[in-house]
Amino acid sequence: MSNFTQTLCILFALTLVSLLSSAATSRPHPPSKASAPQKPPSCDSLKFKMNDCIPYLKKDSSMAKPVTSCCSGVKDVWKVDSTCVYEALKSNVELGFNINVTRVAHVSSACGFMDVSLDEYFGAFFIFF
């Protein structure tokens, strides 16, 4: 094989390697699997955070104030969806708990936070009694 032929073969090989490496790096990458947006929890799952409120909210309760876990549950549920607080209280009535409506209306102030108000739901709550 002559020098000229060897040089052509080497140039051809280098060109081929260059083209192959260029093709490999310019190939489009598959789309990354971005995490799907999380669905907000349903009221059914959230209302269980407020179960510790039931002893305080019952008509025959002698508790002076709700327990800390009740208050944190109300606050947590309120942050996600304020209507779920109402739905949770309504479901307690539907389950047959004798709920003290006045305590329901004032559970946020009894817990010591004023930024959570059930006043807008209070009127609708009487429908279930």
Protein backbone atom coordinates (compact mmCIF):
# COMPACT_ATOMS: atom_id res chain seq x y z
CA MET A 1 0.00 0.00 0.00
CA SER A 2 1.45 3.36 -1.00
CA ASN A 3 1.92 6.31 1.30
CA PHE A 4 -0.82 8.15 -0.50
CA THR A 5 -3.29 5.30 0.03
CA GLN A 6 -2.33 4.98 3.70
CA THR A 7 -2.82 8.72 4.19
CA LEU A 8 -6.23 8.55 2.52
CA CYS A 9 -7.23 5.61 4.73
CA ILE A 10 -6.13 7.46 7.87
CA LEU A 11 -7.96 10.62 6.79
CA PHE A 12 -11.05 8.58 5.99
CA ALA A 13 -10.90 6.84 9.38
CA LEU A 14 -10.44 10.16 11.22
CA THR A 15 -13.32 11.72 9.29
CA LEU A 16 -15.52 8.73 10.05
CA VAL A 17 -14.65 8.85 13.77
CA SER A 18 -15.31 12.59 13.81
CA LEU A 19 -18.69 12.19 12.11
CA LEU A 20 -19.75 9.37 14.41
CA SER A 21 -18.81 11.26 17.56
CA SER A 22 -20.55 14.38 16.26
CA ALA A 23 -23.70 12.41 15.49
CA ALA A 24 -23.67 10.84 18.93
CA THR A 25 -23.48 14.20 20.71
CA SER A 26 -26.00 15.99 18.51
CA ARG A 27 -28.68 13.33 18.85
CA PRO A 28 -31.70 14.73 20.70
CA HIS A 29 -31.99 13.56 24.26
CA PRO A 30 -35.17 11.85 25.31
CA PRO A 31 -37.43 14.16 27.28
CA SER A 32 -36.69 14.09 30.97
CA LYS A 33 -39.35 12.65 33.15
CA ALA A 34 -40.31 15.68 35.18
CA SER A 35 -42.22 14.88 38.29
CA ALA A 36 -45.93 15.25 37.76
CA PRO A 37 -47.56 18.01 39.74
CA GLN A 38 -48.92 16.68 42.97
CA LYS A 39 -52.64 16.67 43.41
CA PRO A 40 -53.82 18.39 46.53
CA PRO A 41 -55.15 16.00 49.12
CA SER A 42 -58.88 15.43 49.14
CA CYS A 43 -61.07 16.70 51.96
CA ASP A 44 -61.73 13.09 52.91
CA SER A 45 -58.06 12.55 53.71
CA LEU A 46 -57.60 15.97 55.32
CA LYS A 47 -60.51 15.85 57.72
CA PHE A 48 -58.88 13.08 59.74
CA LYS A 49 -56.34 15.68 60.88
CA MET A 50 -59.19 17.24 62.85
CA ASN A 51 -60.36 14.10 64.66
CA ASP A 52 -58.82 15.34 67.90
CA CYS A 53 -61.34 18.21 67.87
CA ILE A 54 -64.35 15.93 68.39
CA PRO A 55 -64.07 15.67 72.21
CA TYR A 56 -63.96 19.47 72.49
CA LEU A 57 -66.76 20.09 69.98
CA LYS A 58 -69.26 17.60 71.45
CA LYS A 59 -72.26 19.15 73.22
CA ASP A 60 -71.54 17.33 76.48
CA SER A 61 -67.85 18.31 76.52
CA SER A 62 -66.44 19.83 79.69
CA MET A 63 -63.12 20.68 78.04
CA ALA A 64 -62.16 24.33 78.52
CA LYS A 65 -60.21 24.45 75.28
CA PRO A 66 -59.27 22.14 72.41
CA VAL A 67 -56.14 20.03 72.60
CA THR A 68 -53.06 21.19 70.71
CA SER A 69 -53.40 18.47 68.06
CA CYS A 70 -56.94 19.68 67.29
CA CYS A 71 -55.69 23.23 66.77
CA SER A 72 -52.78 22.17 64.58
CA GLY A 73 -55.14 19.95 62.57
CA VAL A 74 -57.56 22.82 61.95
CA LYS A 75 -54.69 25.10 60.94
CA ASP A 76 -53.13 22.48 58.63
CA VAL A 77 -56.43 21.72 56.90
CA TRP A 78 -57.23 25.43 56.60
CA LYS A 79 -53.91 26.08 54.83
CA VAL A 80 -54.66 23.42 52.20
CA ASP A 81 -58.36 24.13 51.65
CA SER A 82 -60.52 26.19 54.01
CA THR A 83 -63.72 24.53 52.80
CA CYS A 84 -62.40 21.21 54.08
CA VAL A 85 -62.66 22.51 57.66
CA TYR A 86 -66.36 23.02 57.10
CA GLU A 87 -66.69 19.65 55.33
CA ALA A 88 -64.97 17.90 58.23
CA LEU A 89 -67.26 19.48 60.78
CA LYS A 90 -70.30 18.70 58.65
CA SER A 91 -69.26 15.06 58.34
CA ASN A 92 -68.99 14.80 62.14
CA VAL A 93 -72.62 15.91 62.37
CA GLU A 94 -73.61 13.42 59.67
CA LEU A 95 -71.84 10.66 61.61
CA GLY A 96 -74.10 11.38 64.56
CA PHE A 97 -71.80 13.34 66.85
CA ASN A 98 -73.73 15.86 68.95
CA ILE A 99 -71.70 18.92 68.01
CA ASN A 100 -71.85 22.22 69.91
CA VAL A 101 -72.30 24.76 67.10
CA THR A 102 -71.02 27.64 69.24
CA ARG A 103 -67.77 25.79 69.82
CA VAL A 104 -67.52 25.04 66.12
CA ALA A 105 -67.85 28.72 65.31
CA HIS A 106 -65.20 29.69 67.84
CA VAL A 107 -62.71 26.84 67.58
CA SER A 108 -60.17 29.08 65.85
CA SER A 109 -60.25 31.69 68.62
CA ALA A 110 -60.20 28.91 71.26
CA CYS A 111 -57.02 27.66 69.58
CA GLY A 112 -55.53 31.13 69.70
CA PHE A 113 -55.37 31.98 66.02
CA MET A 114 -57.55 34.68 64.59
CA ASP A 115 -56.54 34.33 60.93
CA VAL A 116 -58.79 31.27 60.62
CA SER A 117 -62.47 32.17 60.74
CA LEU A 118 -65.40 29.85 60.33
CA ASP A 119 -67.89 32.73 60.27
CA GLU A 120 -68.54 32.41 56.53
CA TYR A 121 -69.52 28.75 57.02
CA PHE A 122 -71.34 29.18 60.34
CA GLY A 123 -74.75 29.95 58.81
CA ALA A 124 -74.60 26.97 56.48
CA PHE A 125 -73.69 24.75 59.41
CA PHE A 126 -77.15 25.16 61.00
CA ILE A 127 -78.72 23.34 58.05
CA PHE A 128 -77.45 20.05 59.44
CA PHE A 129 -79.10 20.32 62.88
